[in-house]
Amino acid sequence: MSCCSSSKTLVTFKDKAGVKVYLPHPAHKEFGVSLRGIPDKVLVIDCVAQL
C-alpha cells in the first residue's frame, strides 16, 4: 500500500448482540488479515450512539 493511499471502512451494528456475532466471524478475521503490515495507519473508533 502506498503511503498516500486512502481507504475507509465503516462498520455499524444495530445493537451489542450484532457486535458479539461479528467479532469472532470469519469476515472480521479476514478484514484483520487485510490490515496486516499497516497497523500504524489504522484508526478504530468505537462508540455507542445515544438516541
PDB file of N, CA and C in Angstrom:
ATOM      1  N   MET A   1       0.845  -1.171   0.000  1.00  0.00           N
ATOM      2  CA  MET A   1       0.000   0.000   0.000  1.00  0.00           C
ATOM      3  C   MET A   1       0.890   1.234   0.000  1.00  0.00           C
ATOM      4  N   SER A   2       0.589   2.175  -0.829  1.00  0.00           N
ATOM      5  CA  SER A   2       1.337   3.412  -0.929  1.00  0.00           C
ATOM      6  C   SER A   2       1.138   4.261   0.319  1.00  0.00           C
ATOM      7  N   CYS A   3       2.122   5.088   0.615  1.00  0.00           N
ATOM      8  CA  CYS A   3       1.997   5.959   1.787  1.00  0.00           C
ATOM      9  C   CYS A   3       0.873   6.969   1.629  1.00  0.00           C
ATOM     10  N   CYS A   4       0.462   7.214   0.414  1.00  0.00           N
ATOM     11  CA  CYS A   4      -0.570   8.234   0.175  1.00  0.00           C
ATOM     12  C   CYS A   4      -1.930   7.626  -0.136  1.00  0.00           C
ATOM     13  N   SER A   5      -2.028   6.323  -0.084  1.00  0.00           N
ATOM     14  CA  SER A   5      -3.310   5.667  -0.341  1.00  0.00           C
ATOM     15  C   SER A   5      -4.272   5.952   0.795  1.00  0.00           C
ATOM     16  N   SER A   6      -5.549   5.981   0.453  1.00  0.00           N
ATOM     17  CA  SER A   6      -6.554   6.238   1.478  1.00  0.00           C
ATOM     18  C   SER A   6      -7.716   5.289   1.269  1.00  0.00           C
ATOM     19  N   SER A   7      -8.147   4.690   2.350  1.00  0.00           N
ATOM     20  CA  SER A   7      -9.284   3.786   2.304  1.00  0.00           C
ATOM     21  C   SER A   7     -10.038   3.921   3.604  1.00  0.00           C
ATOM     22  N   LYS A   8     -11.340   3.869   3.513  1.00  0.00           N
ATOM     23  CA  LYS A   8     -12.165   3.978   4.707  1.00  0.00           C
ATOM     24  C   LYS A   8     -13.163   2.833   4.751  1.00  0.00           C
ATOM     25  N   THR A   9     -13.385   2.311   5.920  1.00  0.00           N
ATOM     26  CA  THR A   9     -14.367   1.264   6.122  1.00  0.00           C
ATOM     27  C   THR A   9     -15.199   1.634   7.331  1.00  0.00           C
ATOM     28  N   LEU A  10     -16.498   1.622   7.167  1.00  0.00           N
ATOM     29  CA  LEU A  10     -17.407   1.919   8.269  1.00  0.00           C
ATOM     30  C   LEU A  10     -18.250   0.683   8.522  1.00  0.00           C
ATOM     31  N   VAL A  11     -18.210   0.207   9.743  1.00  0.00           N
ATOM     32  CA  VAL A  11     -18.999  -0.948  10.129  1.00  0.00           C
ATOM     33  C   VAL A  11     -19.924  -0.504  11.250  1.00  0.00           C
ATOM     34  N   THR A  12     -21.218  -0.705  11.060  1.00  0.00           N
ATOM     35  CA  THR A  12     -22.180  -0.326  12.093  1.00  0.00           C
ATOM     36  C   THR A  12     -23.001  -1.545  12.498  1.00  0.00           C
ATOM     37  N   PHE A  13     -23.533  -1.495  13.701  1.00  0.00           N
ATOM     38  CA  PHE A  13     -24.327  -2.595  14.229  1.00  0.00           C
ATOM     39  C   PHE A  13     -25.598  -2.050  14.847  1.00  0.00           C
ATOM     40  N   LYS A  14     -26.653  -2.803  14.744  1.00  0.00           N
ATOM     41  CA  LYS A  14     -27.940  -2.417  15.312  1.00  0.00           C
ATOM     42  C   LYS A  14     -27.887  -2.412  16.836  1.00  0.00           C
ATOM     43  N   ASP A  15     -27.130  -3.374  17.384  1.00  0.00           N
ATOM     44  CA  ASP A  15     -27.060  -3.498  18.838  1.00  0.00           C
ATOM     45  C   ASP A  15     -25.782  -4.238  19.231  1.00  0.00           C
ATOM     46  N   LYS A  16     -25.554  -4.357  20.518  1.00  0.00           N
ATOM     47  CA  LYS A  16     -24.349  -5.027  21.011  1.00  0.00           C
ATOM     48  C   LYS A  16     -24.327  -6.506  20.641  1.00  0.00           C
ATOM     49  N   ALA A  17     -25.486  -7.103  20.495  1.00  0.00           N
ATOM     50  CA  ALA A  17     -25.541  -8.519  20.098  1.00  0.00           C
ATOM     51  C   ALA A  17     -24.918  -8.699  18.713  1.00  0.00           C
ATOM     52  N   GLY A  18     -25.143  -7.741  17.822  1.00  0.00           N
ATOM     53  CA  GLY A  18     -24.552  -7.800  16.491  1.00  0.00           C
ATOM     54  C   GLY A  18     -23.038  -7.740  16.538  1.00  0.00           C
ATOM     55  N   VAL A  19     -22.501  -6.928  17.439  1.00  0.00           N
ATOM     56  CA  VAL A  19     -21.050  -6.840  17.612  1.00  0.00           C
ATOM     57  C   VAL A  19     -20.508  -8.175  18.099  1.00  0.00           C
ATOM     58  N   LYS A  20     -21.194  -8.800  19.036  1.00  0.00           N
ATOM     59  CA  LYS A  20     -20.751 -10.085  19.580  1.00  0.00           C
ATOM     60  C   LYS A  20     -20.733 -11.176  18.512  1.00  0.00           C
ATOM     61  N   VAL A  21     -21.635 -11.082  17.547  1.00  0.00           N
ATOM     62  CA  VAL A  21     -21.660 -12.048  16.448  1.00  0.00           C
ATOM     63  C   VAL A  21     -20.516 -11.760  15.474  1.00  0.00           C
ATOM     64  N   TYR A  22     -20.280 -10.479  15.204  1.00  0.00           N
ATOM     65  CA  TYR A  22     -19.281 -10.090  14.208  1.00  0.00           C
ATOM     66  C   TYR A  22     -17.835 -10.347  14.651  1.00  0.00           C
ATOM     67  N   LEU A  23     -17.510 -10.061  15.903  1.00  0.00           N
ATOM     68  CA  LEU A  23     -16.114 -10.146  16.337  1.00  0.00           C
ATOM     69  C   LEU A  23     -15.460 -11.495  16.051  1.00  0.00           C
ATOM     70  N   PRO A  24     -16.096 -12.636  16.341  1.00  0.00           N
ATOM     71  CA  PRO A  24     -15.456 -13.916  16.022  1.00  0.00           C
ATOM     72  C   PRO A  24     -15.738 -14.404  14.592  1.00  0.00           C
ATOM     73  N   HIS A  25     -16.513 -13.651  13.829  1.00  0.00           N
ATOM     74  CA  HIS A  25     -16.931 -14.064  12.485  1.00  0.00           C
ATOM     75  C   HIS A  25     -15.745 -14.098  11.522  1.00  0.00           C
ATOM     76  N   PRO A  26     -15.730 -15.061  10.595  1.00  0.00           N
ATOM     77  CA  PRO A  26     -14.635 -15.143   9.609  1.00  0.00           C
ATOM     78  C   PRO A  26     -14.445 -13.850   8.804  1.00  0.00           C
ATOM     79  N   ALA A  27     -15.509 -13.104   8.519  1.00  0.00           N
ATOM     80  CA  ALA A  27     -15.371 -11.851   7.765  1.00  0.00           C
ATOM     81  C   ALA A  27     -14.544 -10.835   8.558  1.00  0.00           C
ATOM     82  N   HIS A  28     -14.726 -10.808   9.864  1.00  0.00           N
ATOM     83  CA  HIS A  28     -13.949  -9.899  10.705  1.00  0.00           C
ATOM     84  C   HIS A  28     -12.494 -10.343  10.731  1.00  0.00           C
ATOM     85  N   LYS A  29     -12.273 -11.625  10.829  1.00  0.00           N
ATOM     86  CA  LYS A  29     -10.908 -12.151  10.844  1.00  0.00           C
ATOM     87  C   LYS A  29     -10.205 -11.833   9.520  1.00  0.00           C
ATOM     88  N   GLU A  30     -10.910 -11.998   8.390  1.00  0.00           N
ATOM     89  CA  GLU A  30     -10.335 -11.696   7.071  1.00  0.00           C
ATOM     90  C   GLU A  30      -9.992 -10.215   6.961  1.00  0.00           C
ATOM     91  N   PHE A  31     -10.868  -9.360   7.475  1.00  0.00           N
ATOM     92  CA  PHE A  31     -10.608  -7.926   7.449  1.00  0.00           C
ATOM     93  C   PHE A  31      -9.340  -7.601   8.230  1.00  0.00           C
ATOM     94  N   GLY A  32      -9.183  -8.220   9.388  1.00  0.00           N
ATOM     95  CA  GLY A  32      -7.977  -8.015  10.184  1.00  0.00           C
ATOM     96  C   GLY A  32      -6.720  -8.443   9.450  1.00  0.00           C
ATOM     97  N   VAL A  33      -6.789  -9.556   8.761  1.00  0.00           N
ATOM     98  CA  VAL A  33      -5.646 -10.041   7.984  1.00  0.00           C
ATOM     99  C   VAL A  33      -5.300  -9.042   6.877  1.00  0.00           C
ATOM    100  N   SER A  34      -6.315  -8.442   6.268  1.00  0.00           N
ATOM    101  CA  SER A  34      -6.064  -7.485   5.185  1.00  0.00           C
ATOM    102  C   SER A  34      -5.342  -6.232   5.682  1.00  0.00           C
ATOM    103  N   LEU A  35      -5.377  -5.970   6.982  1.00  0.00           N
ATOM    104  CA  LEU A  35      -4.724  -4.788   7.542  1.00  0.00           C
ATOM    105  C   LEU A  35      -3.291  -5.055   7.985  1.00  0.00           C
ATOM    106  N   ARG A  36      -2.871  -6.285   7.953  1.00  0.00           N
ATOM    107  CA  ARG A  36      -1.509  -6.605   8.395  1.00  0.00           C
ATOM    108  C   ARG A  36      -0.500  -5.830   7.560  1.00  0.00           C
ATOM    109  N   GLY A  37       0.493  -5.314   8.247  1.00  0.00           N
ATOM    110  CA  GLY A  37       1.528  -4.557   7.567  1.00  0.00           C
ATOM    111  C   GLY A  37       1.287  -3.056   7.590  1.00  0.00           C
ATOM    112  N   ILE A  38       0.092  -2.638   7.973  1.00  0.00           N
ATOM    113  CA  ILE A  38      -0.200  -1.207   8.026  1.00  0.00           C
ATOM    114  C   ILE A  38      -0.843  -0.803   9.357  1.00  0.00           C
ATOM    115  N   PRO A  39      -0.522  -1.473  10.460  1.00  0.00           N
ATOM    116  CA  PRO A  39      -1.210  -1.161  11.717  1.00  0.00           C
ATOM    117  C   PRO A  39      -1.000   0.273  12.201  1.00  0.00           C
ATOM    118  N   ASP A  40       0.107   0.912  11.791  1.00  0.00           N
ATOM    119  CA  ASP A  40       0.346   2.279  12.221  1.00  0.00           C
ATOM    120  C   ASP A  40      -0.530   3.277  11.465  1.00  0.00           C
ATOM    121  N   LYS A  41      -1.281   2.783  10.477  1.00  0.00           N
ATOM    122  CA  LYS A  41      -2.135   3.652   9.685  1.00  0.00           C
ATOM    123  C   LYS A  41      -3.613   3.338   9.885  1.00  0.00           C
ATOM    124  N   VAL A  42      -3.940   2.611  10.947  1.00  0.00           N
ATOM    125  CA  VAL A  42      -5.318   2.200  11.204  1.00  0.00           C
ATOM    126  C   VAL A  42      -5.859   2.976  12.399  1.00  0.00           C
ATOM    127  N   LEU A  43      -7.063   3.518  12.238  1.00  0.00           N
ATOM    128  CA  LEU A  43      -7.737   4.218  13.325  1.00  0.00           C
ATOM    129  C   LEU A  43      -9.083   3.555  13.543  1.00  0.00           C
ATOM    130  N   VAL A  44      -9.320   3.101  14.763  1.00  0.00           N
ATOM    131  CA  VAL A  44     -10.595   2.477  15.115  1.00  0.00           C
ATOM    132  C   VAL A  44     -11.288   3.360  16.124  1.00  0.00           C
ATOM    133  N   ILE A  45     -12.540   3.693  15.837  1.00  0.00           N
ATOM    134  CA  ILE A  45     -13.358   4.482  16.777  1.00  0.00           C
ATOM    135  C   ILE A  45     -14.543   3.607  17.166  1.00  0.00           C
ATOM    136  N   ASP A  46     -14.686   3.402  18.446  1.00  0.00           N
ATOM    137  CA  ASP A  46     -15.751   2.556  18.976  1.00  0.00           C
ATOM    138  C   ASP A  46     -16.656   3.427  19.837  1.00  0.00           C
ATOM    139  N   CYS A  47     -17.896   3.556  19.450  1.00  0.00           N
ATOM    140  CA  CYS A  47     -18.800   4.390  20.241  1.00  0.00           C
ATOM    141  C   CYS A  47     -20.220   3.845  20.157  1.00  0.00           C
ATOM    142  N   VAL A  48     -21.032   4.265  21.094  1.00  0.00           N
ATOM    143  CA  VAL A  48     -22.445   3.887  21.145  1.00  0.00           C
ATOM    144  C   VAL A  48     -23.257   5.155  20.976  1.00  0.00           C
ATOM    145  N   ALA A  49     -24.149   5.150  19.991  1.00  0.00           N
ATOM    146  CA  ALA A  49     -24.996   6.317  19.750  1.00  0.00           C
ATOM    147  C   ALA A  49     -26.044   6.424  20.834  1.00  0.00           C
ATOM    148  N   GLN A  50     -26.256   7.606  21.291  1.00  0.00           N
ATOM    149  CA  GLN A  50     -27.323   7.864  22.275  1.00  0.00           C
ATOM    150  C   GLN A  50     -28.454   8.563  21.547  1.00  0.00           C
ATOM    151  N   LEU A  51     -29.556   7.865  21.340  1.00  0.00           N
ATOM    152  CA  LEU A  51     -30.700   8.450  20.618  1.00  0.00           C
ATOM    153  C   LEU A  51     -31.755   8.942  21.558  1.00  0.00           C
TER     154      LEU A  51
END
